[in-house]
Amino acid sequence: MRSRVAIVVPKHGHEIVARNRLKRRLREIVRTELLPRLDGAAAVEDVLVRARAEAYRARFADLREELVHWIDRRWPDASRSR
C-alpha cells in the first residue's frame, strides 16, 4: 500500500490557466518532496493539499518551503529518514 495525495485548487477568482499552473507546481512538490519522505518513513497516509488564495501569487520556492515545513511538523520522522 502506498500513500495517496489529493490536490484541491479552488477558483479564488482565477482563470483555468492559473489554476492548472498552480496544480502542476503543487504536484511537482508532492512528487519530489512529500511522497519520498512518507515512503522513507514507512508512513502510509492519505493527504489532502488545499491551496489557499495566496498560493496563486507565491513563487515555486515559497510553495515548496511551506509544504516541506508542513511535512516536517506533521511527520517529524519523515524528515530524518531523508
PDB file of N, CA and C in Angstrom:
ATOM      1  N   MET A   1       0.846  -1.184   0.000  1.00  0.00           N
ATOM      2  CA  MET A   1       0.000   0.000   0.000  1.00  0.00           C
ATOM      3  C   MET A   1       0.887   1.242   0.000  1.00  0.00           C
ATOM      4  N   ARG A   2       0.456   2.260  -0.694  1.00  0.00           N
ATOM      5  CA  ARG A   2       1.240   3.496  -0.810  1.00  0.00           C
ATOM      6  C   ARG A   2       0.414   4.688  -0.343  1.00  0.00           C
ATOM      7  N   SER A   3       1.104   5.748  -0.034  1.00  0.00           N
ATOM      8  CA  SER A   3       0.425   6.997   0.333  1.00  0.00           C
ATOM      9  C   SER A   3      -0.254   7.587  -0.891  1.00  0.00           C
ATOM     10  N   ARG A   4      -1.366   8.263  -0.642  1.00  0.00           N
ATOM     11  CA  ARG A   4      -2.085   8.929  -1.719  1.00  0.00           C
ATOM     12  C   ARG A   4      -2.224  10.406  -1.377  1.00  0.00           C
ATOM     13  N   VAL A   5      -2.212  11.239  -2.416  1.00  0.00           N
ATOM     14  CA  VAL A   5      -2.320  12.682  -2.217  1.00  0.00           C
ATOM     15  C   VAL A   5      -3.355  13.238  -3.189  1.00  0.00           C
ATOM     16  N   ALA A   6      -4.250  14.054  -2.674  1.00  0.00           N
ATOM     17  CA  ALA A   6      -5.215  14.775  -3.498  1.00  0.00           C
ATOM     18  C   ALA A   6      -4.876  16.258  -3.390  1.00  0.00           C
ATOM     19  N   ILE A   7      -4.981  16.954  -4.510  1.00  0.00           N
ATOM     20  CA  ILE A   7      -4.691  18.389  -4.538  1.00  0.00           C
ATOM     21  C   ILE A   7      -5.956  19.126  -4.956  1.00  0.00           C
ATOM     22  N   VAL A   8      -6.366  20.081  -4.140  1.00  0.00           N
ATOM     23  CA  VAL A   8      -7.554  20.880  -4.415  1.00  0.00           C
ATOM     24  C   VAL A   8      -7.104  22.317  -4.625  1.00  0.00           C
ATOM     25  N   VAL A   9      -7.473  22.868  -5.767  1.00  0.00           N
ATOM     26  CA  VAL A   9      -7.129  24.250  -6.084  1.00  0.00           C
ATOM     27  C   VAL A   9      -8.438  25.006  -6.358  1.00  0.00           C
ATOM     28  N   PRO A  10      -8.985  25.677  -5.338  1.00  0.00           N
ATOM     29  CA  PRO A  10     -10.218  26.447  -5.528  1.00  0.00           C
ATOM     30  C   PRO A  10     -10.000  27.601  -6.508  1.00  0.00           C
ATOM     31  N   LYS A  11     -11.085  28.052  -7.090  1.00  0.00           N
ATOM     32  CA  LYS A  11     -11.005  29.104  -8.115  1.00  0.00           C
ATOM     33  C   LYS A  11     -10.440  30.414  -7.581  1.00  0.00           C
ATOM     34  N   HIS A  12     -10.920  30.860  -6.439  1.00  0.00           N
ATOM     35  CA  HIS A  12     -10.480  32.134  -5.866  1.00  0.00           C
ATOM     36  C   HIS A  12     -10.451  33.246  -6.918  1.00  0.00           C
ATOM     37  N   GLY A  13     -11.365  33.199  -7.885  1.00  0.00           N
ATOM     38  CA  GLY A  13     -11.455  34.248  -8.896  1.00  0.00           C
ATOM     39  C   GLY A  13     -10.408  34.173  -9.993  1.00  0.00           C
ATOM     40  N   HIS A  14      -9.692  33.058 -10.118  1.00  0.00           N
ATOM     41  CA  HIS A  14      -8.647  32.921 -11.133  1.00  0.00           C
ATOM     42  C   HIS A  14      -9.135  32.073 -12.299  1.00  0.00           C
ATOM     43  N   GLU A  15      -8.526  32.293 -13.449  1.00  0.00           N
ATOM     44  CA  GLU A  15      -8.898  31.539 -14.644  1.00  0.00           C
ATOM     45  C   GLU A  15      -8.247  30.165 -14.628  1.00  0.00           C
ATOM     46  N   ILE A  16      -8.705  29.314 -15.533  1.00  0.00           N
ATOM     47  CA  ILE A  16      -8.256  27.926 -15.573  1.00  0.00           C
ATOM     48  C   ILE A  16      -6.747  27.812 -15.808  1.00  0.00           C
ATOM     49  N   VAL A  17      -6.168  28.709 -16.567  1.00  0.00           N
ATOM     50  CA  VAL A  17      -4.723  28.648 -16.830  1.00  0.00           C
ATOM     51  C   VAL A  17      -3.935  28.795 -15.527  1.00  0.00           C
ATOM     52  N   ALA A  18      -4.337  29.735 -14.696  1.00  0.00           N
ATOM     53  CA  ALA A  18      -3.660  29.954 -13.417  1.00  0.00           C
ATOM     54  C   ALA A  18      -3.877  28.769 -12.480  1.00  0.00           C
ATOM     55  N   ARG A  19      -5.092  28.213 -12.477  1.00  0.00           N
ATOM     56  CA  ARG A  19      -5.367  27.061 -11.617  1.00  0.00           C
ATOM     57  C   ARG A  19      -4.540  25.853 -12.046  1.00  0.00           C
ATOM     58  N   ASN A  20      -4.455  25.616 -13.343  1.00  0.00           N
ATOM     59  CA  ASN A  20      -3.663  24.485 -13.830  1.00  0.00           C
ATOM     60  C   ASN A  20      -2.178  24.666 -13.510  1.00  0.00           C
ATOM     61  N   ARG A  21      -1.667  25.882 -13.649  1.00  0.00           N
ATOM     62  CA  ARG A  21      -0.263  26.151 -13.325  1.00  0.00           C
ATOM     63  C   ARG A  21       0.008  25.847 -11.854  1.00  0.00           C
ATOM     64  N   LEU A  22      -0.875  26.299 -10.988  1.00  0.00           N
ATOM     65  CA  LEU A  22      -0.715  26.049  -9.564  1.00  0.00           C
ATOM     66  C   LEU A  22      -0.800  24.552  -9.259  1.00  0.00           C
ATOM     67  N   LYS A  23      -1.724  23.851  -9.890  1.00  0.00           N
ATOM     68  CA  LYS A  23      -1.828  22.404  -9.687  1.00  0.00           C
ATOM     69  C   LYS A  23      -0.554  21.687 -10.111  1.00  0.00           C
ATOM     70  N   ARG A  24       0.008  22.075 -11.248  1.00  0.00           N
ATOM     71  CA  ARG A  24       1.249  21.451 -11.715  1.00  0.00           C
ATOM     72  C   ARG A  24       2.391  21.702 -10.741  1.00  0.00           C
ATOM     73  N   ARG A  25       2.472  22.903 -10.224  1.00  0.00           N
ATOM     74  CA  ARG A  25       3.531  23.238  -9.268  1.00  0.00           C
ATOM     75  C   ARG A  25       3.387  22.406  -7.990  1.00  0.00           C
ATOM     76  N   LEU A  26       2.166  22.326  -7.476  1.00  0.00           N
ATOM     77  CA  LEU A  26       1.934  21.549  -6.259  1.00  0.00           C
ATOM     78  C   LEU A  26       2.182  20.062  -6.485  1.00  0.00           C
ATOM     79  N   ARG A  27       1.767  19.548  -7.648  1.00  0.00           N
ATOM     80  CA  ARG A  27       2.019  18.141  -7.967  1.00  0.00           C
ATOM     81  C   ARG A  27       3.509  17.830  -7.982  1.00  0.00           C
ATOM     82  N   GLU A  28       4.305  18.727  -8.533  1.00  0.00           N
ATOM     83  CA  GLU A  28       5.754  18.518  -8.589  1.00  0.00           C
ATOM     84  C   GLU A  28       6.356  18.496  -7.186  1.00  0.00           C
ATOM     85  N   ILE A  29       5.909  19.386  -6.329  1.00  0.00           N
ATOM     86  CA  ILE A  29       6.409  19.412  -4.955  1.00  0.00           C
ATOM     87  C   ILE A  29       6.004  18.135  -4.225  1.00  0.00           C
ATOM     88  N   VAL A  30       4.784  17.697  -4.417  1.00  0.00           N
ATOM     89  CA  VAL A  30       4.327  16.458  -3.794  1.00  0.00           C
ATOM     90  C   VAL A  30       5.165  15.282  -4.285  1.00  0.00           C
ATOM     91  N   ARG A  31       5.423  15.233  -5.583  1.00  0.00           N
ATOM     92  CA  ARG A  31       6.179  14.130  -6.181  1.00  0.00           C
ATOM     93  C   ARG A  31       7.619  14.097  -5.687  1.00  0.00           C
ATOM     94  N   THR A  32       8.252  15.266  -5.571  1.00  0.00           N
ATOM     95  CA  THR A  32       9.676  15.299  -5.230  1.00  0.00           C
ATOM     96  C   THR A  32       9.955  15.404  -3.729  1.00  0.00           C
ATOM     97  N   GLU A  33       9.016  15.890  -2.961  1.00  0.00           N
ATOM     98  CA  GLU A  33       9.263  16.114  -1.530  1.00  0.00           C
ATOM     99  C   GLU A  33       8.394  15.258  -0.618  1.00  0.00           C
ATOM    100  N   LEU A  34       7.098  15.367  -0.749  1.00  0.00           N
ATOM    101  CA  LEU A  34       6.197  14.725   0.205  1.00  0.00           C
ATOM    102  C   LEU A  34       6.207  13.209   0.084  1.00  0.00           C
ATOM    103  N   LEU A  35       5.975  12.666  -1.098  1.00  0.00           N
ATOM    104  CA  LEU A  35       5.895  11.214  -1.244  1.00  0.00           C
ATOM    105  C   LEU A  35       7.198  10.502  -0.897  1.00  0.00           C
ATOM    106  N   PRO A  36       8.366  10.988  -1.335  1.00  0.00           N
ATOM    107  CA  PRO A  36       9.596  10.301  -0.912  1.00  0.00           C
ATOM    108  C   PRO A  36       9.807  10.314   0.603  1.00  0.00           C
ATOM    109  N   ARG A  37       9.428  11.397   1.256  1.00  0.00           N
ATOM    110  CA  ARG A  37       9.583  11.469   2.715  1.00  0.00           C
ATOM    111  C   ARG A  37       8.655  10.483   3.406  1.00  0.00           C
ATOM    112  N   LEU A  38       7.423  10.384   2.929  1.00  0.00           N
ATOM    113  CA  LEU A  38       6.496   9.425   3.526  1.00  0.00           C
ATOM    114  C   LEU A  38       6.957   7.995   3.280  1.00  0.00           C
ATOM    115  N   ASP A  39       7.430   7.702   2.081  1.00  0.00           N
ATOM    116  CA  ASP A  39       7.938   6.366   1.778  1.00  0.00           C
ATOM    117  C   ASP A  39       9.142   6.036   2.643  1.00  0.00           C
ATOM    118  N   GLY A  40      10.037   7.007   2.830  1.00  0.00           N
ATOM    119  CA  GLY A  40      11.221   6.796   3.645  1.00  0.00           C
ATOM    120  C   GLY A  40      10.909   6.555   5.112  1.00  0.00           C
ATOM    121  N   ALA A  41       9.813   7.126   5.580  1.00  0.00           N
ATOM    122  CA  ALA A  41       9.411   6.948   6.976  1.00  0.00           C
ATOM    123  C   ALA A  41       8.467   5.760   7.138  1.00  0.00           C
ATOM    124  N   ALA A  42       8.223   5.047   6.049  1.00  0.00           N
ATOM    125  CA  ALA A  42       7.303   3.900   6.051  1.00  0.00           C
ATOM    126  C   ALA A  42       5.912   4.309   6.530  1.00  0.00           C
ATOM    127  N   ALA A  43       5.511   5.528   6.204  1.00  0.00           N
ATOM    128  CA  ALA A  43       4.188   6.024   6.571  1.00  0.00           C
ATOM    129  C   ALA A  43       3.261   5.886   5.364  1.00  0.00           C
ATOM    130  N   VAL A  44       2.105   5.298   5.575  1.00  0.00           N
ATOM    131  CA  VAL A  44       1.093   5.200   4.526  1.00  0.00           C
ATOM    132  C   VAL A  44      -0.041   6.125   4.952  1.00  0.00           C
ATOM    133  N   GLU A  45      -0.206   7.194   4.205  1.00  0.00           N
ATOM    134  CA  GLU A  45      -1.176   8.216   4.579  1.00  0.00           C
ATOM    135  C   GLU A  45      -1.979   8.648   3.356  1.00  0.00           C
ATOM    136  N   ASP A  46      -3.179   9.133   3.593  1.00  0.00           N
ATOM    137  CA  ASP A  46      -3.960   9.843   2.592  1.00  0.00           C
ATOM    138  C   ASP A  46      -3.860  11.317   2.957  1.00  0.00           C
ATOM    139  N   VAL A  47      -3.362  12.128   2.037  1.00  0.00           N
ATOM    140  CA  VAL A  47      -3.097  13.537   2.319  1.00  0.00           C
ATOM    141  C   VAL A  47      -3.911  14.392   1.357  1.00  0.00           C
ATOM    142  N   LEU A  48      -4.522  15.434   1.874  1.00  0.00           N
ATOM    143  CA  LEU A  48      -5.241  16.405   1.063  1.00  0.00           C
ATOM    144  C   LEU A  48      -4.499  17.732   1.143  1.00  0.00           C
ATOM    145  N   VAL A  49      -4.064  18.245  -0.002  1.00  0.00           N
ATOM    146  CA  VAL A  49      -3.395  19.540  -0.080  1.00  0.00           C
ATOM    147  C   VAL A  49      -4.399  20.504  -0.704  1.00  0.00           C
ATOM    148  N   ARG A  50      -4.788  21.515   0.058  1.00  0.00           N
ATOM    149  CA  ARG A  50      -5.740  22.512  -0.441  1.00  0.00           C
ATOM    150  C   ARG A  50      -5.025  23.852  -0.547  1.00  0.00           C
ATOM    151  N   ALA A  51      -5.001  24.399  -1.740  1.00  0.00           N
ATOM    152  CA  ALA A  51      -4.308  25.668  -1.977  1.00  0.00           C
ATOM    153  C   ALA A  51      -5.126  26.834  -1.415  1.00  0.00           C
ATOM    154  N   ARG A  52      -4.433  27.739  -0.775  1.00  0.00           N
ATOM    155  CA  ARG A  52      -5.063  28.972  -0.309  1.00  0.00           C
ATOM    156  C   ARG A  52      -4.983  30.018  -1.427  1.00  0.00           C
ATOM    157  N   ALA A  53      -5.707  31.083  -1.285  1.00  0.00           N
ATOM    158  CA  ALA A  53      -5.755  32.125  -2.320  1.00  0.00           C
ATOM    159  C   ALA A  53      -4.375  32.718  -2.591  1.00  0.00           C
ATOM    160  N   GLU A  54      -3.550  32.881  -1.554  1.00  0.00           N
ATOM    161  CA  GLU A  54      -2.229  33.498  -1.753  1.00  0.00           C
ATOM    162  C   GLU A  54      -1.253  32.577  -2.485  1.00  0.00           C
ATOM    163  N   ALA A  55      -1.601  31.307  -2.640  1.00  0.00           N
ATOM    164  CA  ALA A  55      -0.722  30.377  -3.365  1.00  0.00           C
ATOM    165  C   ALA A  55      -0.585  30.765  -4.831  1.00  0.00           C
ATOM    166  N   TYR A  56      -1.574  31.434  -5.372  1.00  0.00           N
ATOM    167  CA  TYR A  56      -1.505  31.872  -6.775  1.00  0.00           C
ATOM    168  C   TYR A  56      -0.370  32.878  -6.998  1.00  0.00           C
ATOM    169  N   ARG A  57      -0.071  33.663  -5.985  1.00  0.00           N
ATOM    170  CA  ARG A  57       0.970  34.696  -6.115  1.00  0.00           C
ATOM    171  C   ARG A  57       2.341  34.222  -5.647  1.00  0.00           C
ATOM    172  N   ALA A  58       2.392  33.054  -5.023  1.00  0.00           N
ATOM    173  CA  ALA A  58       3.638  32.571  -4.423  1.00  0.00           C
ATOM    174  C   ALA A  58       4.597  32.027  -5.482  1.00  0.00           C
ATOM    175  N   ARG A  59       5.882  32.211  -5.217  1.00  0.00           N
ATOM    176  CA  ARG A  59       6.915  31.614  -6.070  1.00  0.00           C
ATOM    177  C   ARG A  59       6.976  30.122  -5.768  1.00  0.00           C
ATOM    178  N   PHE A  60       7.524  29.355  -6.709  1.00  0.00           N
ATOM    179  CA  PHE A  60       7.658  27.911  -6.534  1.00  0.00           C
ATOM    180  C   PHE A  60       8.447  27.596  -5.261  1.00  0.00           C
ATOM    181  N   ALA A  61       9.548  28.312  -5.049  1.00  0.00           N
ATOM    182  CA  ALA A  61      10.385  28.063  -3.868  1.00  0.00           C
ATOM    183  C   ALA A  61       9.609  28.296  -2.576  1.00  0.00           C
ATOM    184  N   ASP A  62       8.746  29.298  -2.576  1.00  0.00           N
ATOM    185  CA  ASP A  62       7.944  29.580  -1.380  1.00  0.00           C
ATOM    186  C   ASP A  62       6.908  28.476  -1.139  1.00  0.00           C
ATOM    187  N   LEU A  63       6.278  28.003  -2.221  1.00  0.00           N
ATOM    188  CA  LEU A  63       5.325  26.904  -2.089  1.00  0.00           C
ATOM    189  C   LEU A  63       6.024  25.658  -1.544  1.00  0.00           C
ATOM    190  N   ARG A  64       7.191  25.377  -2.103  1.00  0.00           N
ATOM    191  CA  ARG A  64       7.966  24.209  -1.681  1.00  0.00           C
ATOM    192  C   ARG A  64       8.341  24.324  -0.202  1.00  0.00           C
ATOM    193  N   GLU A  65       8.836  25.485   0.195  1.00  0.00           N
ATOM    194  CA  GLU A  65       9.230  25.697   1.586  1.00  0.00           C
ATOM    195  C   GLU A  65       8.055  25.509   2.532  1.00  0.00           C
ATOM    196  N   GLU A  66       6.904  26.039   2.168  1.00  0.00           N
ATOM    197  CA  GLU A  66       5.710  25.924   3.006  1.00  0.00           C
ATOM    198  C   GLU A  66       5.288  24.461   3.154  1.00  0.00           C
ATOM    199  N   LEU A  67       5.269  23.729   2.056  1.00  0.00           N
ATOM    200  CA  LEU A  67       4.865  22.327   2.126  1.00  0.00           C
ATOM    201  C   LEU A  67       5.877  21.473   2.885  1.00  0.00           C
ATOM    202  N   VAL A  68       7.151  21.715   2.672  1.00  0.00           N
ATOM    203  CA  VAL A  68       8.184  20.960   3.386  1.00  0.00           C
ATOM    204  C   VAL A  68       8.093  21.239   4.886  1.00  0.00           C
ATOM    205  N   HIS A  69       7.872  22.484   5.239  1.00  0.00           N
ATOM    206  CA  HIS A  69       7.716  22.843   6.656  1.00  0.00           C
ATOM    207  C   HIS A  69       6.509  22.117   7.257  1.00  0.00           C
ATOM    208  N   TRP A  70       5.416  22.077   6.511  1.00  0.00           N
ATOM    209  CA  TRP A  70       4.216  21.391   6.980  1.00  0.00           C
ATOM    210  C   TRP A  70       4.487  19.894   7.141  1.00  0.00           C
ATOM    211  N   ILE A  71       5.179  19.296   6.180  1.00  0.00           N
ATOM    212  CA  ILE A  71       5.515  17.870   6.252  1.00  0.00           C
ATOM    213  C   ILE A  71       6.354  17.599   7.497  1.00  0.00           C
ATOM    214  N   ASP A  72       7.355  18.440   7.723  1.00  0.00           N
ATOM    215  CA  ASP A  72       8.251  18.250   8.859  1.00  0.00           C
ATOM    216  C   ASP A  72       7.519  18.365  10.201  1.00  0.00           C
ATOM    217  N   ARG A  73       6.504  19.232  10.268  1.00  0.00           N
ATOM    218  CA  ARG A  73       5.718  19.356  11.503  1.00  0.00           C
ATOM    219  C   ARG A  73       4.808  18.144  11.690  1.00  0.00           C
ATOM    220  N   ARG A  74       4.197  17.706  10.596  1.00  0.00           N
ATOM    221  CA  ARG A  74       3.214  16.615  10.671  1.00  0.00           C
ATOM    222  C   ARG A  74       3.878  15.255  10.853  1.00  0.00           C
ATOM    223  N   TRP A  75       4.973  15.013  10.133  1.00  0.00           N
ATOM    224  CA  TRP A  75       5.679  13.729  10.180  1.00  0.00           C
ATOM    225  C   TRP A  75       7.151  13.997  10.468  1.00  0.00           C
ATOM    226  N   PRO A  76       7.525  14.233  11.718  1.00  0.00           N
ATOM    227  CA  PRO A  76       8.917  14.538  12.043  1.00  0.00           C
ATOM    228  C   PRO A  76       9.880  13.413  11.645  1.00  0.00           C
ATOM    229  N   ASP A  77       9.424  12.169  11.702  1.00  0.00           N
ATOM    230  CA  ASP A  77      10.286  11.044  11.312  1.00  0.00           C
ATOM    231  C   ASP A  77      10.594  11.057   9.827  1.00  0.00           C
ATOM    232  N   ALA A  78       9.695  11.625   9.023  1.00  0.00           N
ATOM    233  CA  ALA A  78       9.880  11.637   7.576  1.00  0.00           C
ATOM    234  C   ALA A  78      11.053  12.513   7.175  1.00  0.00           C
ATOM    235  N   SER A  79      11.301  13.591   7.900  1.00  0.00           N
ATOM    236  CA  SER A  79      12.412  14.477   7.539  1.00  0.00           C
ATOM    237  C   SER A  79      13.747  13.865   7.916  1.00  0.00           C
ATOM    238  N   ARG A  80      13.786  13.051   8.955  1.00  0.00           N
ATOM    239  CA  ARG A  80      15.039  12.416   9.371  1.00  0.00           C
ATOM    240  C   ARG A  80      15.431  11.263   8.461  1.00  0.00           C
ATOM    241  N   SER A  81      14.455  10.617   7.858  1.00  0.00           N
ATOM    242  CA  SER A  81      14.749   9.459   7.018  1.00  0.00           C
ATOM    243  C   SER A  81      15.274   9.855   5.651  1.00  0.00           C
ATOM    244  N   ARG A  82      15.224  11.119   5.336  1.00  0.00           N
ATOM    245  CA  ARG A  82      15.597  11.593   4.014  1.00  0.00           C
ATOM    246  C   ARG A  82      17.062  11.777   3.893  1.00  0.00           C
TER     247      ARG A  82
END
